[in-house]
């Protein structure tokens, strides 16, 4: 689970406008932060298969958001990929 400060920082860094909290850029950045946190947890707890399933669901959801963003706004997609240091 993300702390409030980490979540607000992820939102602020990728917002389209001041009150934006639902754009694909924000959703991808939040999912990326959650995936990083859960990956750390799973390195420590290797047999936690329930959390691993949640991680796979988050990765799939992030992939869907990225595909949508690539289809709708290629420039924003490339900027987000570079900012979050994700593979294409």
C-alpha atoms as a PDB file:
ATOM      1  CA  UNK A   1       0.000   0.000   0.000  1.00  0.00           C
ATOM      2  CA  UNK A   2       1.304   3.433  -0.909  1.00  0.00           C
ATOM      3  CA  UNK A   3       1.616   6.139   1.711  1.00  0.00           C
ATOM      4  CA  UNK A   4      -0.267   9.387   1.142  1.00  0.00           C
ATOM      5  CA  UNK A   5       2.918  11.309   0.368  1.00  0.00           C
ATOM      6  CA  UNK A   6       4.158   8.800  -2.232  1.00  0.00           C
ATOM      7  CA  UNK A   7       0.729   8.713  -3.830  1.00  0.00           C
ATOM      8  CA  UNK A   8       0.388  12.503  -3.954  1.00  0.00           C
ATOM      9  CA  UNK A   9       3.912  12.865  -5.383  1.00  0.00           C
ATOM     10  CA  UNK A  10       3.117  10.333  -8.120  1.00  0.00           C
ATOM     11  CA  UNK A  11      -0.086  12.201  -8.951  1.00  0.00           C
ATOM     12  CA  UNK A  12       1.518  15.661  -8.960  1.00  0.00           C
ATOM     13  CA  UNK A  13       4.378  14.598 -11.196  1.00  0.00           C
ATOM     14  CA  UNK A  14       2.077  13.326 -13.972  1.00  0.00           C
ATOM     15  CA  UNK A  15      -1.070  15.459 -13.810  1.00  0.00           C
ATOM     16  CA  UNK A  16      -2.471  17.066 -16.944  1.00  0.00           C
ATOM     17  CA  UNK A  17      -4.056  19.873 -14.923  1.00  0.00           C
ATOM     18  CA  UNK A  18      -4.424  20.880 -11.272  1.00  0.00           C
ATOM     19  CA  UNK A  19      -7.320  18.590 -10.281  1.00  0.00           C
ATOM     20  CA  UNK A  20      -6.383  15.635 -12.497  1.00  0.00           C
ATOM     21  CA  UNK A  21      -6.405  12.291 -10.727  1.00  0.00           C
ATOM     22  CA  UNK A  22      -7.825   9.926 -13.339  1.00  0.00           C
ATOM     23  CA  UNK A  23      -5.929  10.461 -16.566  1.00  0.00           C
ATOM     24  CA  UNK A  24      -4.019   7.483 -17.976  1.00  0.00           C
ATOM     25  CA  UNK A  25      -0.704   9.147 -17.112  1.00  0.00           C
ATOM     26  CA  UNK A  26      -1.645   9.398 -13.444  1.00  0.00           C
ATOM     27  CA  UNK A  27      -3.067   5.875 -13.350  1.00  0.00           C
ATOM     28  CA  UNK A  28       0.102   4.418 -14.884  1.00  0.00           C
ATOM     29  CA  UNK A  29       2.350   6.296 -12.452  1.00  0.00           C
ATOM     30  CA  UNK A  30       0.304   5.095  -9.453  1.00  0.00           C
ATOM     31  CA  UNK A  31       0.328   1.519 -10.702  1.00  0.00           C
ATOM     32  CA  UNK A  32       4.085   1.735 -11.272  1.00  0.00           C
ATOM     33  CA  UNK A  33       4.678   2.880  -7.692  1.00  0.00           C
ATOM     34  CA  UNK A  34       2.429   0.113  -6.338  1.00  0.00           C
ATOM     35  CA  UNK A  35       4.190  -2.471  -8.496  1.00  0.00           C
ATOM     36  CA  UNK A  36       7.580  -1.347  -7.171  1.00  0.00           C
ATOM     37  CA  UNK A  37       6.377  -1.614  -3.555  1.00  0.00           C
ATOM     38  CA  UNK A  38       4.861  -5.050  -4.104  1.00  0.00           C
ATOM     39  CA  UNK A  39       7.960  -6.298  -5.936  1.00  0.00           C
ATOM     40  CA  UNK A  40      10.062  -5.383  -2.870  1.00  0.00           C
ATOM     41  CA  UNK A  41       7.620  -7.286  -0.666  1.00  0.00           C
ATOM     42  CA  UNK A  42       7.747 -10.358  -2.891  1.00  0.00           C
ATOM     43  CA  UNK A  43      11.540 -10.437  -2.904  1.00  0.00           C
ATOM     44  CA  UNK A  44      11.373 -10.812   0.859  1.00  0.00           C
ATOM     45  CA  UNK A  45       8.350 -13.159   0.969  1.00  0.00           C
ATOM     46  CA  UNK A  46       8.897 -15.541  -1.922  1.00  0.00           C
ATOM     47  CA  UNK A  47       5.949 -17.832  -1.151  1.00  0.00           C
ATOM     48  CA  UNK A  48       3.280 -15.119  -0.963  1.00  0.00           C
ATOM     49  CA  UNK A  49       1.337 -16.295  -4.004  1.00  0.00           C
ATOM     50  CA  UNK A  50      -1.782 -14.232  -3.283  1.00  0.00           C
ATOM     51  CA  UNK A  51       0.200 -11.003  -3.479  1.00  0.00           C
ATOM     52  CA  UNK A  52       1.947 -12.283  -6.600  1.00  0.00           C
ATOM     53  CA  UNK A  53      -1.448 -12.657  -8.271  1.00  0.00           C
ATOM     54  CA  UNK A  54      -2.282  -9.071  -7.339  1.00  0.00           C
ATOM     55  CA  UNK A  55       1.040  -7.948  -8.797  1.00  0.00           C
ATOM     56  CA  UNK A  56       0.301  -9.692 -12.088  1.00  0.00           C
ATOM     57  CA  UNK A  57      -3.124  -8.052 -12.225  1.00  0.00           C
ATOM     58  CA  UNK A  58      -1.560  -4.618 -11.660  1.00  0.00           C
ATOM     59  CA  UNK A  59       1.003  -5.222 -14.392  1.00  0.00           C
ATOM     60  CA  UNK A  60      -1.757  -6.236 -16.808  1.00  0.00           C
ATOM     61  CA  UNK A  61      -3.826  -3.182 -15.867  1.00  0.00           C
ATOM     62  CA  UNK A  62      -0.826  -0.888 -16.386  1.00  0.00           C
ATOM     63  CA  UNK A  63      -0.201  -2.488 -19.784  1.00  0.00           C
ATOM     64  CA  UNK A  64      -3.816  -1.783 -20.785  1.00  0.00           C
ATOM     65  CA  UNK A  65      -3.530   1.857 -19.724  1.00  0.00           C
ATOM     66  CA  UNK A  66      -0.275   2.208 -21.658  1.00  0.00           C
ATOM     67  CA  UNK A  67      -1.789   0.680 -24.809  1.00  0.00           C
ATOM     68  CA  UNK A  68      -4.719   3.089 -24.564  1.00  0.00           C
ATOM     69  CA  UNK A  69      -2.402   6.060 -24.107  1.00  0.00           C
ATOM     70  CA  UNK A  70      -0.200   4.961 -27.016  1.00  0.00           C
ATOM     71  CA  UNK A  71      -3.268   4.720 -29.244  1.00  0.00           C
ATOM     72  CA  UNK A  72      -4.738   8.072 -28.206  1.00  0.00           C
ATOM     73  CA  UNK A  73      -1.667  10.262 -27.634  1.00  0.00           C
ATOM     74  CA  UNK A  74       1.678   8.894 -28.844  1.00  0.00           C
ATOM     75  CA  UNK A  75       3.672  11.896 -27.593  1.00  0.00           C
ATOM     76  CA  UNK A  76       2.293  11.660 -24.042  1.00  0.00           C
ATOM     77  CA  UNK A  77       2.979   7.913 -24.105  1.00  0.00           C
ATOM     78  CA  UNK A  78       6.630   8.407 -25.032  1.00  0.00           C
ATOM     79  CA  UNK A  79       7.079  11.137 -22.417  1.00  0.00           C
ATOM     80  CA  UNK A  80       5.561   8.927 -19.719  1.00  0.00           C
ATOM     81  CA  UNK A  81       7.675   5.917 -20.669  1.00  0.00           C
ATOM     82  CA  UNK A  82      10.838   8.019 -20.459  1.00  0.00           C
ATOM     83  CA  UNK A  83       9.823   9.679 -17.192  1.00  0.00           C
ATOM     84  CA  UNK A  84       8.981   6.403 -15.442  1.00  0.00           C
ATOM     85  CA  UNK A  85      11.880   4.541 -17.101  1.00  0.00           C
ATOM     86  CA  UNK A  86       9.663   1.739 -18.384  1.00  0.00           C
ATOM     87  CA  UNK A  87      10.412  -0.597 -21.265  1.00  0.00           C
ATOM     88  CA  UNK A  88       8.312  -0.286 -24.394  1.00  0.00           C
END
